[in-house]
Amino acid sequence: MAKFSSVQIEEINAIIKEIEAKIKEHVEIGAKDKPVLAGLLQANKVAGTPEHFKCKREYSDTIVSYFVKEKGLTKNRFSSNFQSSIFLL
């Protein structure tokens, strides 16, 4: 687990709060760059429009892990570590 300073923790908590406001039932969470995710969704014929949240690359894995472990969300199969965007699908 990465060690974060108090400023970084505040930034992570702000992103978590923003994402929590948009969570609905049966939603999946993941981290992937916007253009790459758009291509993957189109190539795999996945229905739905993802909602993106900007974050720093070093925070993405921590935020996704929080929602998977603490909130019980499903991690999307296209999710990767160290990405510049978190998405809900």
N, C-alpha and C. Protein backbone atom coordinates (compact mmCIF):
# COMPACT_ATOMS: atom_id res chain seq x y z
N MET A 1 0.85 -1.17 0.00
CA MET A 1 0.00 0.00 0.00
C MET A 1 0.90 1.24 0.00
N ALA A 2 0.53 2.17 -0.78
CA ALA A 2 1.31 3.40 -0.90
C ALA A 2 1.13 4.28 0.34
N LYS A 3 2.15 5.01 0.65
CA LYS A 3 2.10 5.97 1.76
C LYS A 3 1.83 7.34 1.17
N PHE A 4 0.84 8.01 1.73
CA PHE A 4 0.46 9.33 1.23
C PHE A 4 0.60 10.37 2.33
N SER A 5 0.93 11.58 1.92
CA SER A 5 1.00 12.69 2.87
C SER A 5 -0.42 13.18 3.17
N SER A 6 -0.54 14.06 4.13
CA SER A 6 -1.86 14.57 4.51
C SER A 6 -2.52 15.36 3.37
N VAL A 7 -1.74 16.06 2.58
CA VAL A 7 -2.28 16.80 1.44
C VAL A 7 -2.81 15.83 0.38
N GLN A 8 -2.07 14.77 0.13
CA GLN A 8 -2.50 13.77 -0.83
C GLN A 8 -3.77 13.06 -0.36
N ILE A 9 -3.86 12.79 0.93
CA ILE A 9 -5.04 12.15 1.49
C ILE A 9 -6.26 13.05 1.32
N GLU A 10 -6.10 14.34 1.50
CA GLU A 10 -7.20 15.28 1.30
C GLU A 10 -7.65 15.28 -0.16
N GLU A 11 -6.70 15.23 -1.09
CA GLU A 11 -7.04 15.17 -2.51
C GLU A 11 -7.79 13.88 -2.85
N ILE A 12 -7.33 12.77 -2.31
CA ILE A 12 -7.98 11.48 -2.54
C ILE A 12 -9.40 11.50 -1.97
N ASN A 13 -9.56 12.02 -0.77
CA ASN A 13 -10.88 12.08 -0.15
C ASN A 13 -11.84 12.97 -0.94
N ALA A 14 -11.34 14.04 -1.53
CA ALA A 14 -12.18 14.91 -2.36
C ALA A 14 -12.67 14.17 -3.61
N ILE A 15 -11.80 13.39 -4.22
CA ILE A 15 -12.19 12.61 -5.39
C ILE A 15 -13.20 11.53 -4.99
N ILE A 16 -12.96 10.88 -3.87
CA ILE A 16 -13.88 9.85 -3.38
C ILE A 16 -15.26 10.44 -3.13
N LYS A 17 -15.30 11.60 -2.53
CA LYS A 17 -16.58 12.26 -2.25
C LYS A 17 -17.32 12.58 -3.54
N GLU A 18 -16.59 13.04 -4.55
CA GLU A 18 -17.19 13.36 -5.85
C GLU A 18 -17.76 12.10 -6.51
N ILE A 19 -17.03 11.00 -6.42
CA ILE A 19 -17.49 9.74 -7.02
C ILE A 19 -18.69 9.19 -6.26
N GLU A 20 -18.64 9.25 -4.93
CA GLU A 20 -19.75 8.72 -4.11
C GLU A 20 -21.08 9.39 -4.45
N ALA A 21 -21.04 10.65 -4.83
CA ALA A 21 -22.26 11.37 -5.18
C ALA A 21 -22.90 10.84 -6.46
N LYS A 22 -22.13 10.18 -7.30
CA LYS A 22 -22.62 9.69 -8.60
C LYS A 22 -22.89 8.19 -8.64
N ILE A 23 -22.66 7.48 -7.55
CA ILE A 23 -22.82 6.02 -7.54
C ILE A 23 -24.30 5.66 -7.55
N LYS A 24 -24.64 4.71 -8.41
CA LYS A 24 -25.98 4.14 -8.48
C LYS A 24 -25.87 2.63 -8.33
N GLU A 25 -27.01 1.96 -8.30
CA GLU A 25 -26.99 0.50 -8.17
C GLU A 25 -26.42 -0.14 -9.43
N HIS A 26 -25.77 -1.26 -9.25
CA HIS A 26 -25.23 -2.08 -10.34
C HIS A 26 -24.24 -1.33 -11.22
N VAL A 27 -23.42 -0.52 -10.63
CA VAL A 27 -22.42 0.23 -11.38
C VAL A 27 -21.05 -0.43 -11.16
N GLU A 28 -20.21 -0.37 -12.16
CA GLU A 28 -18.85 -0.89 -12.06
C GLU A 28 -17.88 0.28 -12.04
N ILE A 29 -16.77 0.10 -11.35
CA ILE A 29 -15.76 1.15 -11.27
C ILE A 29 -14.44 0.63 -11.83
N GLY A 30 -13.68 1.55 -12.37
CA GLY A 30 -12.37 1.18 -12.90
C GLY A 30 -11.56 2.42 -13.20
N ALA A 31 -10.34 2.21 -13.60
CA ALA A 31 -9.44 3.31 -13.95
C ALA A 31 -8.85 3.03 -15.33
N LYS A 32 -9.01 3.97 -16.24
CA LYS A 32 -8.47 3.84 -17.59
C LYS A 32 -8.51 5.21 -18.24
N ASP A 33 -7.55 5.49 -19.11
CA ASP A 33 -7.54 6.75 -19.84
C ASP A 33 -8.77 6.80 -20.75
N LYS A 34 -9.33 7.99 -20.91
CA LYS A 34 -10.57 8.16 -21.68
C LYS A 34 -10.51 7.61 -23.09
N PRO A 35 -9.52 7.98 -23.91
CA PRO A 35 -9.51 7.48 -25.29
C PRO A 35 -9.35 5.96 -25.38
N VAL A 36 -8.56 5.39 -24.52
CA VAL A 36 -8.35 3.94 -24.52
C VAL A 36 -9.64 3.23 -24.12
N LEU A 37 -10.31 3.73 -23.09
CA LEU A 37 -11.56 3.13 -22.64
C LEU A 37 -12.63 3.21 -23.72
N ALA A 38 -12.72 4.34 -24.39
CA ALA A 38 -13.71 4.49 -25.46
C ALA A 38 -13.48 3.45 -26.55
N GLY A 39 -12.24 3.22 -26.91
CA GLY A 39 -11.92 2.21 -27.91
C GLY A 39 -12.25 0.81 -27.45
N LEU A 40 -11.94 0.50 -26.20
CA LEU A 40 -12.24 -0.82 -25.65
C LEU A 40 -13.74 -1.08 -25.60
N LEU A 41 -14.50 -0.09 -25.16
CA LEU A 41 -15.95 -0.25 -25.08
C LEU A 41 -16.57 -0.45 -26.45
N GLN A 42 -16.08 0.30 -27.43
CA GLN A 42 -16.60 0.19 -28.79
C GLN A 42 -16.22 -1.18 -29.40
N ALA A 43 -14.99 -1.59 -29.24
CA ALA A 43 -14.53 -2.86 -29.80
C ALA A 43 -15.24 -4.06 -29.18
N ASN A 44 -15.60 -3.96 -27.90
CA ASN A 44 -16.27 -5.06 -27.21
C ASN A 44 -17.78 -4.92 -27.18
N LYS A 45 -18.29 -3.89 -27.86
CA LYS A 45 -19.74 -3.64 -27.97
C LYS A 45 -20.41 -3.61 -26.60
N VAL A 46 -19.81 -2.85 -25.70
CA VAL A 46 -20.35 -2.68 -24.35
C VAL A 46 -21.31 -1.50 -24.36
N ALA A 47 -22.53 -1.74 -23.89
CA ALA A 47 -23.53 -0.68 -23.83
C ALA A 47 -23.27 0.21 -22.62
N GLY A 48 -23.71 1.43 -22.70
CA GLY A 48 -23.58 2.36 -21.58
C GLY A 48 -22.51 3.40 -21.84
N THR A 49 -22.69 4.52 -21.18
CA THR A 49 -21.74 5.62 -21.30
C THR A 49 -21.02 5.79 -19.97
N PRO A 50 -19.71 5.72 -19.97
CA PRO A 50 -18.98 5.87 -18.70
C PRO A 50 -18.95 7.32 -18.24
N GLU A 51 -18.95 7.48 -16.95
CA GLU A 51 -18.77 8.80 -16.35
C GLU A 51 -17.35 8.85 -15.82
N HIS A 52 -16.59 9.86 -16.24
CA HIS A 52 -15.17 9.95 -15.90
C HIS A 52 -14.93 10.96 -14.77
N PHE A 53 -13.91 10.65 -13.97
CA PHE A 53 -13.46 11.53 -12.90
C PHE A 53 -11.95 11.64 -13.01
N LYS A 54 -11.46 12.85 -13.12
CA LYS A 54 -10.03 13.09 -13.27
C LYS A 54 -9.32 12.87 -11.93
N CYS A 55 -8.15 12.26 -12.00
CA CYS A 55 -7.34 12.06 -10.80
C CYS A 55 -5.89 11.95 -11.21
N LYS A 56 -5.01 11.99 -10.23
CA LYS A 56 -3.59 11.79 -10.48
C LYS A 56 -3.34 10.29 -10.64
N ARG A 57 -2.39 9.96 -11.48
CA ARG A 57 -2.11 8.55 -11.78
C ARG A 57 -1.81 7.72 -10.52
N GLU A 58 -1.09 8.31 -9.58
CA GLU A 58 -0.71 7.54 -8.39
C GLU A 58 -1.87 7.29 -7.43
N TYR A 59 -3.01 7.98 -7.64
CA TYR A 59 -4.17 7.81 -6.77
C TYR A 59 -5.17 6.79 -7.31
N SER A 60 -5.15 6.50 -8.58
CA SER A 60 -6.23 5.73 -9.21
C SER A 60 -6.41 4.35 -8.59
N ASP A 61 -5.35 3.63 -8.36
CA ASP A 61 -5.47 2.29 -7.80
C ASP A 61 -6.01 2.33 -6.38
N THR A 62 -5.59 3.29 -5.59
CA THR A 62 -6.06 3.43 -4.21
C THR A 62 -7.55 3.73 -4.17
N ILE A 63 -8.01 4.61 -5.04
CA ILE A 63 -9.42 4.99 -5.06
C ILE A 63 -10.28 3.82 -5.52
N VAL A 64 -9.88 3.14 -6.59
CA VAL A 64 -10.65 2.00 -7.08
C VAL A 64 -10.69 0.91 -6.01
N SER A 65 -9.57 0.63 -5.37
CA SER A 65 -9.52 -0.38 -4.31
C SER A 65 -10.45 -0.03 -3.15
N TYR A 66 -10.51 1.24 -2.80
CA TYR A 66 -11.41 1.68 -1.73
C TYR A 66 -12.86 1.33 -2.06
N PHE A 67 -13.29 1.65 -3.26
CA PHE A 67 -14.68 1.39 -3.64
C PHE A 67 -14.97 -0.10 -3.77
N VAL A 68 -14.01 -0.88 -4.20
CA VAL A 68 -14.22 -2.32 -4.33
C VAL A 68 -14.29 -2.97 -2.94
N LYS A 69 -13.36 -2.61 -2.06
CA LYS A 69 -13.30 -3.25 -0.74
C LYS A 69 -14.33 -2.69 0.24
N GLU A 70 -14.46 -1.38 0.30
CA GLU A 70 -15.30 -0.76 1.32
C GLU A 70 -16.76 -0.59 0.90
N LYS A 71 -16.99 -0.29 -0.36
CA LYS A 71 -18.35 -0.02 -0.83
C LYS A 71 -18.98 -1.18 -1.58
N GLY A 72 -18.19 -2.21 -1.88
CA GLY A 72 -18.72 -3.40 -2.52
C GLY A 72 -19.01 -3.26 -4.01
N LEU A 73 -18.41 -2.28 -4.68
CA LEU A 73 -18.61 -2.14 -6.11
C LEU A 73 -17.80 -3.20 -6.86
N THR A 74 -18.23 -3.50 -8.06
CA THR A 74 -17.52 -4.45 -8.91
C THR A 74 -16.45 -3.70 -9.70
N LYS A 75 -15.27 -4.28 -9.75
CA LYS A 75 -14.18 -3.68 -10.53
C LYS A 75 -14.37 -4.08 -11.99
N ASN A 76 -14.38 -3.11 -12.88
CA ASN A 76 -14.57 -3.36 -14.29
C ASN A 76 -13.39 -4.13 -14.87
N ARG A 77 -13.66 -4.97 -15.85
CA ARG A 77 -12.60 -5.80 -16.44
C ARG A 77 -11.57 -5.00 -17.22
N PHE A 78 -11.90 -3.77 -17.62
CA PHE A 78 -10.97 -2.94 -18.36
C PHE A 78 -10.10 -2.06 -17.46
N SER A 79 -10.26 -2.17 -16.17
CA SER A 79 -9.53 -1.33 -15.23
C SER A 79 -8.04 -1.66 -15.21
N SER A 80 -7.22 -0.62 -15.05
CA SER A 80 -5.78 -0.77 -14.96
C SER A 80 -5.24 0.11 -13.84
N ASN A 81 -4.01 -0.14 -13.44
CA ASN A 81 -3.36 0.69 -12.42
C ASN A 81 -2.74 1.92 -13.06
N PHE A 82 -2.55 2.95 -12.28
CA PHE A 82 -1.85 4.19 -12.67
C PHE A 82 -2.44 4.82 -13.92
N GLN A 83 -3.73 5.14 -13.85
CA GLN A 83 -4.43 5.77 -14.96
C GLN A 83 -4.85 7.18 -14.57
N SER A 84 -5.09 8.03 -15.54
CA SER A 84 -5.41 9.45 -15.28
C SER A 84 -6.90 9.71 -15.10
N SER A 85 -7.71 8.67 -15.20
CA SER A 85 -9.15 8.86 -15.11
C SER A 85 -9.78 7.63 -14.44
N ILE A 86 -10.75 7.90 -13.59
CA ILE A 86 -11.55 6.84 -12.98
C ILE A 86 -12.91 6.91 -13.64
N PHE A 87 -13.51 5.76 -13.90
CA PHE A 87 -14.80 5.77 -14.57
C PHE A 87 -15.80 4.90 -13.84
N LEU A 88 -17.06 5.26 -13.99
CA LEU A 88 -18.19 4.46 -13.53
C LEU A 88 -18.94 4.02 -14.78
N LEU A 89 -19.28 2.74 -14.84
CA LEU A 89 -19.99 2.23 -15.99
C LEU A 89 -21.17 1.41 -15.53
